[in-house]
């Protein structure tokens, strides 16, 4: 039931009919075959196309037009349903302007495109929904997948076979038919700002050989087409050629058309030519279509060039901005690196200064401690000497000379030891030497460690002696 509701809504959207009962009756008469019902509806509500110009034309869904035309009963049901429509209801061509299958009839008119431009065609403009005829994205408005016209590889294969066979049959002087599917050819024409010339080949038609030999392969016409159009050809014996024939509702052959890409996966039919024509007649028709479409093509090219120039300008501006930004970032990095270097150097200098300060403080502290220890030691040495004795027979007079020339003398008991002399020297503030020896000159005697316990008398220094301080190396 949900599928029937979707088909009913889709049929109403395509045809523009608002009466759900009427639409249901038409769908039921066609066995709820949506494509068949749409084809029958459009065929019943259209006039036969003019075979020489692009007059009022009604689009049909591919692959079902022939079946609907042959089913008299279905057409009768559709006609009976249409007769019950209000007289004031707009025609199908008007209804389908903005729908998946659109028909726009009248004089030279504009269909706005994605680039803001339209397509102006003398005699009438036909817009086909590529999604409906199988050339679109492959899904309908309800998200249901629709079978594509033909796969890309198959379409290209058919096109290559057609070009090869046509050249084999009629020679190398011919329109340069592209070896790709219709959709790709349409895109190629859009990208090159040219119209697409379409030729539907009917191998069995009696007029086909003469038309191909004398008209299509005319050197003048072939050169004109190759210079001004993108050409696509297809045999109606192939899948894509047959379905394009149904889409264009080709009733006579040879069949040629000039189309242009429109918006929302649509094509604009600018001119169709049915039946045999001479090269001169074809040139006149194609020249007229080309002249009438030239403003649109030129405007499209200018618009594309403007967009390209704007894009290039934006890219250049972006590149300049990025370069300036990178330069600013490089300068900022350099500034930060310089700042970090200076901060690091300042921190290093501060650290060294602090270490030097600490070293000086330690040295001063150590020196103070050393001086204090030295002063204490001198005090202790001085106290250990006792009171200097008065002169007497058991008193020895000792004179001590220092390296700086200073002299000191003192009296000692003759029983005092050599160690007492060292203690006396240490108690004086005349030398800070830590290692020295007391030496007599005549004779030279060094009173070292081995003689510290000798008394002055035992050492031969009584009653008087003269010693000097000799620094040890």
Protein backbone atom coordinates (compact mmCIF):
# COMPACT_ATOMS: atom_id res chain seq x y z
CA UNK A 1 0.00 0.00 0.00
CA UNK A 2 2.89 2.29 0.72
CA UNK A 3 4.20 1.56 -2.82
CA UNK A 4 0.84 2.50 -4.35
CA UNK A 5 0.75 5.74 -2.36
CA UNK A 6 4.23 6.63 -3.57
CA UNK A 7 3.29 5.94 -7.18
CA UNK A 8 0.11 7.99 -6.82
CA UNK A 9 2.05 10.95 -5.36
CA UNK A 10 4.71 10.67 -8.04
CA UNK A 11 2.11 10.47 -10.84
CA UNK A 12 0.37 13.58 -9.47
CA UNK A 13 3.69 15.44 -9.29
CA UNK A 14 4.64 14.53 -12.87
CA UNK A 15 1.27 15.15 -14.53
CA UNK A 16 0.02 18.02 -12.40
CA UNK A 17 -3.32 16.31 -11.81
CA UNK A 18 -4.75 17.13 -8.39
CA UNK A 19 -7.70 14.67 -8.30
CA UNK A 20 -6.44 11.54 -6.47
CA UNK A 21 -9.41 9.45 -7.63
CA UNK A 22 -8.73 10.31 -11.26
CA UNK A 23 -5.03 9.53 -10.87
CA UNK A 24 -5.86 6.24 -9.13
CA UNK A 25 -8.18 5.27 -11.98
CA UNK A 26 -5.49 5.93 -14.60
CA UNK A 27 -2.86 3.97 -12.63
CA UNK A 28 -5.23 1.04 -12.07
CA UNK A 29 -6.00 0.96 -15.80
CA UNK A 30 -2.27 0.60 -16.46
CA UNK A 31 -1.75 -2.06 -13.80
CA UNK A 32 -0.03 0.46 -11.50
CA UNK A 33 2.84 0.66 -14.01
CA UNK A 34 3.98 4.23 -13.33
CA UNK A 35 6.10 4.64 -16.45
CA UNK A 36 3.39 3.22 -18.70
CA UNK A 37 0.74 5.47 -17.14
CA UNK A 38 2.90 8.60 -17.53
CA UNK A 39 3.75 7.70 -21.13
CA UNK A 40 0.12 7.07 -21.99
CA UNK A 41 -0.94 10.31 -20.30
CA UNK A 42 1.63 12.46 -22.09
CA UNK A 43 0.99 10.78 -25.47
CA UNK A 44 -2.77 11.32 -25.15
CA UNK A 45 -2.39 14.96 -24.13
CA UNK A 46 0.10 15.98 -26.84
CA UNK A 47 -0.08 17.04 -30.49
CA UNK A 48 1.96 15.32 -33.24
CA UNK A 49 5.30 17.04 -33.56
CA UNK A 50 6.26 19.15 -36.53
CA UNK A 51 8.84 17.22 -38.50
CA UNK A 52 10.91 20.22 -39.60
CA UNK A 53 11.04 22.55 -36.57
CA UNK A 54 11.10 22.30 -32.81
CA UNK A 55 7.41 22.96 -32.29
CA UNK A 56 5.26 21.99 -29.27
CA UNK A 57 6.59 18.62 -28.12
CA UNK A 58 5.62 16.45 -25.15
CA UNK A 59 8.23 14.34 -23.36
CA UNK A 60 7.65 10.69 -22.53
CA UNK A 61 9.39 8.20 -20.29
CA UNK A 62 11.89 6.10 -22.24
CA UNK A 63 11.05 2.65 -23.36
CA UNK A 64 7.29 2.82 -22.84
CA UNK A 65 5.99 5.27 -25.50
CA UNK A 66 5.63 2.63 -28.18
CA UNK A 67 3.82 0.26 -25.86
CA UNK A 68 1.36 2.90 -24.71
CA UNK A 69 0.66 4.03 -28.28
CA UNK A 70 -0.29 0.51 -29.23
CA UNK A 71 -2.65 -0.04 -26.35
CA UNK A 72 -5.96 1.48 -27.48
CA UNK A 73 -7.84 0.50 -24.35
CA UNK A 74 -5.37 2.19 -22.03
CA UNK A 75 -5.40 5.35 -24.13
CA UNK A 76 -9.21 5.33 -24.08
CA UNK A 77 -9.22 5.17 -20.29
CA UNK A 78 -6.73 8.00 -20.11
CA UNK A 79 -8.72 10.14 -22.59
CA UNK A 80 -11.91 9.54 -20.66
CA UNK A 81 -10.16 10.60 -17.48
CA UNK A 82 -8.77 13.73 -19.08
CA UNK A 83 -12.18 14.74 -20.39
CA UNK A 84 -13.36 15.02 -16.78
CA UNK A 85 -10.73 17.65 -15.97
CA UNK A 86 -11.93 21.22 -15.37
CA UNK A 87 -11.88 23.25 -18.62
CA UNK A 88 -9.77 25.96 -17.00
CA UNK A 89 -7.00 23.59 -15.90
CA UNK A 90 -3.65 24.45 -17.46
CA UNK A 91 -2.22 22.17 -20.13
CA UNK A 92 0.48 19.58 -19.59
CA UNK A 93 3.20 21.71 -21.15
CA UNK A 94 2.59 24.38 -18.54
CA UNK A 95 2.39 21.89 -15.69
CA UNK A 96 5.67 20.20 -16.46
CA UNK A 97 7.90 23.27 -16.48
CA UNK A 98 9.33 22.59 -13.01
CA UNK A 99 8.75 18.82 -12.83
CA UNK A 100 11.07 15.94 -13.67
CA UNK A 101 9.61 15.82 -17.21
CA UNK A 102 9.11 19.36 -18.49
CA UNK A 103 7.75 20.63 -21.79
CA UNK A 104 7.90 24.31 -22.65
CA UNK A 105 6.19 25.31 -25.88
CA UNK A 106 6.06 28.63 -27.64
CA UNK A 107 8.37 31.03 -29.39
CA UNK A 108 12.04 31.52 -28.57
CA UNK A 109 12.11 31.30 -24.69
CA UNK A 110 14.62 31.15 -21.85
CA UNK A 111 15.19 28.36 -19.34
CA UNK A 112 17.40 29.56 -16.52
CA UNK A 113 20.49 27.42 -15.95
CA UNK A 114 22.77 26.72 -13.06
CA UNK A 115 25.07 29.40 -14.42
CA UNK A 116 22.25 31.91 -14.39
CA UNK A 117 21.63 31.69 -18.14
CA UNK A 118 18.83 30.23 -20.22
CA UNK A 119 18.38 28.43 -23.47
CA UNK A 120 16.42 30.26 -26.16
CA UNK A 121 15.05 28.14 -28.98
CA UNK A 122 12.94 29.23 -31.97
CA UNK A 123 9.74 27.28 -32.20
CA UNK A 124 9.93 25.69 -28.77
CA UNK A 125 12.11 24.39 -25.98
CA UNK A 126 11.92 20.86 -24.58
CA UNK A 127 13.44 20.03 -21.19
CA UNK A 128 13.93 16.40 -20.35
CA UNK A 129 14.64 15.08 -16.89
CA UNK A 130 17.73 12.93 -17.30
CA UNK A 131 16.82 11.20 -14.08
CA UNK A 132 13.52 9.99 -15.58
CA UNK A 133 14.98 8.88 -18.94
CA UNK A 134 17.74 7.01 -17.15
CA UNK A 135 20.63 9.44 -17.60
CA UNK A 136 20.48 10.88 -14.09
CA UNK A 137 21.88 9.91 -10.72
CA UNK A 138 19.91 6.67 -10.53
CA UNK A 139 17.34 7.48 -7.81
CA UNK A 140 13.86 9.02 -7.90
CA UNK A 141 12.35 11.63 -5.65
CA UNK A 142 11.34 8.98 -3.07
CA UNK A 143 14.81 7.49 -2.85
CA UNK A 144 13.84 4.41 -4.91
CA UNK A 145 16.53 3.28 -7.30
CA UNK A 146 15.67 3.62 -11.00
CA UNK A 147 17.33 1.58 -13.71
CA UNK A 148 19.90 3.66 -15.62
CA UNK A 149 19.56 4.06 -19.38
CA UNK A 150 22.70 2.01 -19.88
CA UNK A 151 25.91 1.60 -17.97
CA UNK A 152 28.76 3.92 -18.83
CA UNK A 153 30.92 1.15 -20.24
CA UNK A 154 28.08 -0.22 -22.35
CA UNK A 155 27.13 3.26 -23.61
CA UNK A 156 30.72 3.98 -24.59
CA UNK A 157 30.98 0.58 -26.27
CA UNK A 158 27.84 1.26 -28.29
CA UNK A 159 29.15 4.68 -29.29
CA UNK A 160 32.50 3.24 -30.39
CA UNK A 161 30.76 0.53 -32.43
CA UNK A 162 28.53 3.15 -34.08
CA UNK A 163 31.45 5.42 -35.02
CA UNK A 164 33.46 2.48 -36.36
CA UNK A 165 30.54 1.12 -38.38
CA UNK A 166 29.55 4.55 -39.72
CA UNK A 167 33.10 5.29 -40.91
CA UNK A 168 33.39 1.83 -42.45
CA UNK A 169 30.09 2.33 -44.30
CA UNK A 170 30.37 5.99 -45.36
CA UNK A 171 34.04 6.94 -45.21
CA UNK A 172 36.23 9.27 -43.16
CA UNK A 173 34.58 12.51 -44.31
CA UNK A 174 31.87 12.71 -41.69
CA UNK A 175 30.90 14.48 -38.47
CA UNK A 176 33.33 13.63 -35.68
CA UNK A 177 30.89 11.67 -33.55
CA UNK A 178 32.27 11.29 -30.02
CA UNK A 179 32.99 7.76 -28.86
CA UNK A 180 31.11 8.06 -25.57
CA UNK A 181 27.62 7.88 -24.15
CA UNK A 182 25.01 10.60 -24.56
CA UNK A 183 25.46 11.97 -21.04
CA UNK A 184 29.22 12.30 -21.47
CA UNK A 185 28.76 13.91 -24.88
CA UNK A 186 26.30 16.38 -23.36
CA UNK A 187 28.80 17.21 -20.63
CA UNK A 188 31.54 17.60 -23.23
CA UNK A 189 29.44 20.11 -25.17
CA UNK A 190 28.68 22.01 -21.97
CA UNK A 191 32.35 22.17 -21.01
CA UNK A 192 33.37 23.36 -24.49
CA UNK A 193 30.47 25.88 -24.71
CA UNK A 194 29.05 24.29 -27.82
CA UNK A 195 25.69 22.84 -28.82
CA UNK A 196 25.26 19.07 -29.08
CA UNK A 197 24.28 17.76 -32.52
CA UNK A 198 22.41 14.46 -32.18
CA UNK A 199 21.94 12.00 -35.02
CA UNK A 200 19.71 8.92 -34.53
CA UNK A 201 20.64 6.34 -37.15
CA UNK A 202 18.00 3.99 -38.54
CA UNK A 203 19.90 1.40 -40.63
CA UNK A 204 16.70 -0.07 -42.13
CA UNK A 205 15.14 3.21 -43.27
CA UNK A 206 15.14 3.76 -47.02
CA UNK A 207 16.32 7.38 -46.78
CA UNK A 208 19.22 6.65 -44.42
CA UNK A 209 21.97 5.69 -46.95
CA UNK A 210 21.35 8.66 -49.24
CA UNK A 211 21.09 11.11 -46.28
CA UNK A 212 24.35 9.84 -44.76
CA UNK A 213 26.26 9.83 -48.05
CA UNK A 214 25.08 13.14 -49.51
CA UNK A 215 24.16 15.18 -46.44
CA UNK A 216 25.94 14.08 -43.26
CA UNK A 217 29.13 13.17 -45.10
CA UNK A 218 29.06 16.31 -47.21
CA UNK A 219 32.43 17.94 -46.81
CA UNK A 220 30.88 21.35 -46.17
CA UNK A 221 28.34 20.14 -43.59
CA UNK A 222 30.82 17.83 -41.84
CA UNK A 223 33.35 20.68 -41.54
CA UNK A 224 30.65 23.03 -40.21
CA UNK A 225 29.52 20.49 -37.61
CA UNK A 226 33.07 19.66 -36.53
CA UNK A 227 33.91 23.34 -36.15
CA UNK A 228 30.82 24.50 -34.27
CA UNK A 229 29.19 21.49 -32.58
CA UNK A 230 29.90 18.43 -30.51
CA UNK A 231 28.36 15.54 -32.44
CA UNK A 232 26.86 12.38 -30.98
CA UNK A 233 25.30 9.58 -32.96
CA UNK A 234 23.57 6.38 -32.05
CA UNK A 235 21.82 3.56 -33.82
CA UNK A 236 18.21 2.91 -32.80
CA UNK A 237 19.13 -0.77 -32.79
CA UNK A 238 21.23 -0.18 -29.68
CA UNK A 239 19.90 0.32 -26.18
CA UNK A 240 20.84 3.96 -25.74
CA UNK A 241 19.93 4.93 -29.32
CA UNK A 242 16.53 3.27 -29.02
CA UNK A 243 15.71 4.93 -25.70
CA UNK A 244 16.90 8.33 -26.94
CA UNK A 245 14.62 7.82 -29.95
CA UNK A 246 11.69 7.27 -27.59
CA UNK A 247 12.70 10.26 -25.49
CA UNK A 248 12.79 12.55 -28.52
CA UNK A 249 9.62 10.88 -29.87
CA UNK A 250 11.30 10.48 -33.24
CA UNK A 251 8.54 9.64 -35.74
CA UNK A 252 10.49 10.01 -39.01
CA UNK A 253 13.98 9.19 -40.06
CA UNK A 254 16.64 10.35 -40.65
CA UNK A 255 16.36 12.17 -37.31
CA UNK A 256 18.66 14.98 -36.16
CA UNK A 257 18.41 17.29 -33.18
CA UNK A 258 20.32 20.12 -31.56
CA UNK A 259 20.26 20.10 -27.77
CA UNK A 260 21.87 21.97 -24.91
CA UNK A 261 22.47 21.10 -21.28
CA UNK A 262 19.97 22.68 -18.87
CA UNK A 263 19.58 22.65 -15.10
CA UNK A 264 18.76 19.81 -12.71
CA UNK A 265 19.91 17.10 -15.12
CA UNK A 266 17.73 18.35 -17.97
CA UNK A 267 18.34 18.96 -21.63
CA UNK A 268 16.94 21.72 -23.81
CA UNK A 269 15.82 20.71 -27.30
CA UNK A 270 16.64 23.68 -29.54
CA UNK A 271 15.88 22.15 -32.94
CA UNK A 272 14.90 18.81 -34.42
CA UNK A 273 14.95 17.80 -38.07
CA UNK A 274 13.01 14.73 -39.21
CA UNK A 275 13.17 13.31 -42.69
CA UNK A 276 15.75 13.70 -45.43
CA UNK A 277 17.32 17.11 -45.96
CA UNK A 278 19.94 18.40 -48.35
CA UNK A 279 23.28 19.71 -47.08
CA UNK A 280 22.20 23.24 -47.91
CA UNK A 281 18.97 22.90 -45.92
CA UNK A 282 20.83 21.44 -42.98
CA UNK A 283 23.39 24.23 -43.09
CA UNK A 284 20.67 26.88 -43.10
CA UNK A 285 18.90 25.28 -40.11
CA UNK A 286 22.08 24.72 -38.12
CA UNK A 287 23.42 28.18 -38.91
CA UNK A 288 20.17 29.75 -37.70
CA UNK A 289 20.19 27.74 -34.46
CA UNK A 290 23.85 28.58 -33.92
CA UNK A 291 23.23 32.30 -34.46
CA UNK A 292 20.22 32.32 -32.14
CA UNK A 293 22.13 30.43 -29.44
CA UNK A 294 25.36 32.39 -29.83
CA UNK A 295 24.49 35.06 -27.20
CA UNK A 296 23.75 32.35 -24.64
CA UNK A 297 26.94 30.44 -25.44
CA UNK A 298 29.04 33.61 -25.42
CA UNK A 299 27.46 34.69 -22.13
CA UNK A 300 28.08 31.24 -20.68
CA UNK A 301 31.71 31.30 -21.81
CA UNK A 302 32.20 34.82 -20.42
CA UNK A 303 30.54 33.79 -17.18
CA UNK A 304 32.77 30.72 -16.93
CA UNK A 305 35.85 32.81 -17.73
CA UNK A 306 34.81 35.35 -15.12
CA UNK A 307 34.34 32.58 -12.57
CA UNK A 308 37.70 31.13 -13.57
CA UNK A 309 39.38 34.53 -13.31
CA UNK A 310 37.70 35.16 -9.97
CA UNK A 311 38.79 31.75 -8.75
CA UNK A 312 42.33 32.37 -9.98
CA UNK A 313 42.31 35.80 -8.35
CA UNK A 314 41.09 34.25 -5.10
CA UNK A 315 43.76 31.59 -5.36
CA UNK A 316 46.41 34.26 -5.97
CA UNK A 317 45.06 36.30 -3.08
CA UNK A 318 44.98 33.19 -0.91
CA UNK A 319 48.53 32.35 -1.97
CA UNK A 320 49.67 35.90 -1.21
CA UNK A 321 47.86 35.78 2.12
CA UNK A 322 49.41 32.42 2.95
CA UNK A 323 52.85 33.73 1.94
CA UNK A 324 52.38 36.84 4.08
CA UNK A 325 51.05 34.71 6.91
CA UNK A 326 53.99 32.33 6.63
CA UNK A 327 56.38 35.31 6.56
CA UNK A 328 54.68 36.76 9.65
CA UNK A 329 54.81 33.38 11.34
CA UNK A 330 58.49 33.02 10.40
CA UNK A 331 59.24 36.46 11.81
CA UNK A 332 57.25 35.63 14.93
CA UNK A 333 59.16 32.35 15.29
CA UNK A 334 62.43 34.20 14.79
CA UNK A 335 61.40 36.81 17.34
CA UNK A 336 60.44 34.12 19.84
CA UNK A 337 63.65 32.20 19.18
CA UNK A 338 65.68 35.40 19.67
CA UNK A 339 63.73 36.18 22.82
CA UNK A 340 64.23 32.65 24.10
CA UNK A 341 67.95 32.88 23.26
CA UNK A 342 68.29 36.18 25.11
CA UNK A 343 66.31 34.84 28.05
CA UNK A 344 68.48 31.73 28.07
CA UNK A 345 71.65 33.81 27.93
CA UNK A 346 70.34 36.09 30.69
CA UNK A 347 69.44 33.05 32.78
CA UNK A 348 72.87 31.54 32.13
CA UNK A 349 74.59 34.82 33.05
CA UNK A 350 72.44 35.05 36.15
CA UNK A 351 73.32 31.49 37.06
CA UNK A 352 77.04 32.12 36.58
CA UNK A 353 76.84 35.36 38.54
CA UNK A 354 75.04 33.55 41.32
CA UNK A 355 77.61 30.77 41.31
CA UNK A 356 80.42 33.32 41.43
CA UNK A 357 78.72 35.14 44.28
CA UNK A 358 78.28 31.88 46.12
CA UNK A 359 81.91 30.95 45.42
CA UNK A 360 83.07 34.32 46.72
CA UNK A 361 80.90 33.94 49.77
CA UNK A 362 82.25 30.45 50.36
CA UNK A 363 85.83 31.69 49.88
CA UNK A 364 85.23 34.59 52.24
CA UNK A 365 83.64 32.28 54.75
CA UNK A 366 86.46 29.79 54.42
CA UNK A 367 89.02 32.60 54.71
CA UNK A 368 87.25 33.94 57.79
CA UNK A 369 87.13 30.48 59.26
CA UNK A 370 90.78 30.00 58.41
CA UNK A 371 91.71 33.30 59.98
CA UNK A 372 89.67 32.47 63.04
CA UNK A 373 91.30 29.05 63.26
CA UNK A 374 94.73 30.64 62.76
CA UNK A 375 94.06 33.25 65.41
CA UNK A 376 92.86 30.57 67.78
CA UNK A 377 95.88 28.44 67.03
CA UNK A 378 98.22 31.38 67.65
CA UNK A 379 96.46 32.13 70.89
CA UNK A 380 96.78 28.52 71.98
CA UNK A 381 100.46 28.43 70.98
CA UNK A 382 101.11 31.68 72.80
CA UNK A 383 99.46 30.38 75.97
CA UNK A 384 101.39 27.13 75.76
CA UNK A 385 104.72 29.06 75.94
CA UNK A 386 104.01 30.43 79.34
CA UNK A 387 105.63 33.55 80.80
CA UNK A 388 108.90 34.62 79.21
CA UNK A 389 111.68 33.90 81.82
CA UNK A 390 114.09 36.49 83.06
CA UNK A 391 117.74 36.39 82.08
CA UNK A 392 119.75 33.82 83.93
CA UNK A 393 122.31 31.00 83.51
CA UNK A 394 119.61 28.52 82.53
CA UNK A 395 117.89 30.87 80.10
CA UNK A 396 118.56 30.77 76.37
CA UNK A 397 118.24 33.88 74.14
CA UNK A 398 116.77 33.01 70.69
CA UNK A 399 116.60 35.37 67.68
CA UNK A 400 114.25 34.38 64.79
CA UNK A 401 114.46 36.01 61.37
CA UNK A 402 111.49 35.76 58.94
CA UNK A 403 111.57 35.72 55.10
CA UNK A 404 110.14 39.23 54.99
CA UNK A 405 113.13 40.52 56.96
CA UNK A 406 111.29 40.87 60.23
CA UNK A 407 113.07 39.71 63.38
CA UNK A 408 111.71 38.48 66.69
CA UNK A 409 113.56 37.35 69.82
CA UNK A 410 112.58 35.71 73.07
CA UNK A 411 114.07 34.03 76.10
CA UNK A 412 113.43 30.36 76.78
CA UNK A 413 114.45 27.98 79.51
CA UNK A 414 117.41 25.93 78.33
CA UNK A 415 115.35 22.84 79.04
CA UNK A 416 112.64 23.98 76.58
CA UNK A 417 112.37 21.85 73.48
CA UNK A 418 112.76 22.76 69.82
CA UNK A 419 108.96 22.33 69.58
CA UNK A 420 108.70 25.38 71.86
CA UNK A 421 110.56 27.42 69.20
CA UNK A 422 108.06 26.31 66.54
CA UNK A 423 105.18 27.17 68.86
CA UNK A 424 106.71 30.59 69.35
CA UNK A 425 106.99 31.21 65.59
CA UNK A 426 103.43 29.98 65.09
CA UNK A 427 102.13 32.36 67.75
CA UNK A 428 103.57 35.36 65.92
CA UNK A 429 101.72 37.25 63.22
CA UNK A 430 104.76 37.40 60.99
CA UNK A 431 104.19 34.53 58.58
CA UNK A 432 101.25 32.50 57.45
CA UNK A 433 103.42 29.75 56.01
CA UNK A 434 102.07 26.34 56.95
CA UNK A 435 105.24 24.41 56.16
CA UNK A 436 108.61 25.77 57.23
CA UNK A 437 111.77 24.79 59.08
CA UNK A 438 113.97 26.56 61.57
CA UNK A 439 117.56 26.68 60.35
CA UNK A 440 120.87 27.94 61.77
CA UNK A 441 123.57 29.22 59.41
CA UNK A 442 126.95 28.61 61.02
CA UNK A 443 127.06 25.74 60.97
CA UNK A 444 123.92 25.11 58.90
CA UNK A 445 121.63 22.93 60.92
CA UNK A 446 118.03 22.22 60.12
CA UNK A 447 115.93 21.59 63.14
CA UNK A 448 113.28 19.43 61.60
CA UNK A 449 110.75 16.90 62.82
CA UNK A 450 113.39 14.54 64.15
CA UNK A 451 114.75 17.19 66.58
CA UNK A 452 111.49 18.59 67.95
CA UNK A 453 111.89 16.81 71.29
CA UNK A 454 115.50 17.96 71.90
CA UNK A 455 116.06 20.63 74.54
CA UNK A 456 117.68 23.84 73.49
CA UNK A 457 120.72 22.92 75.46
CA UNK A 458 120.89 19.44 73.90
CA UNK A 459 120.50 20.95 70.46
CA UNK A 460 123.50 23.25 71.09
CA UNK A 461 121.45 26.45 71.08
CA UNK A 462 122.24 27.48 74.68
CA UNK A 463 122.95 30.15 75.86
CA UNK A 464 121.90 31.97 72.66
CA UNK A 465 121.02 31.11 69.10
CA UNK A 466 120.13 32.84 65.84
CA UNK A 467 117.65 31.00 63.57
CA UNK A 468 115.80 31.92 60.42
CA UNK A 469 112.53 30.63 59.00
CA UNK A 470 113.03 28.67 55.80
CA UNK A 471 109.88 27.90 53.81
CA UNK A 472 109.55 24.34 52.61
CA UNK A 473 109.00 23.99 48.91
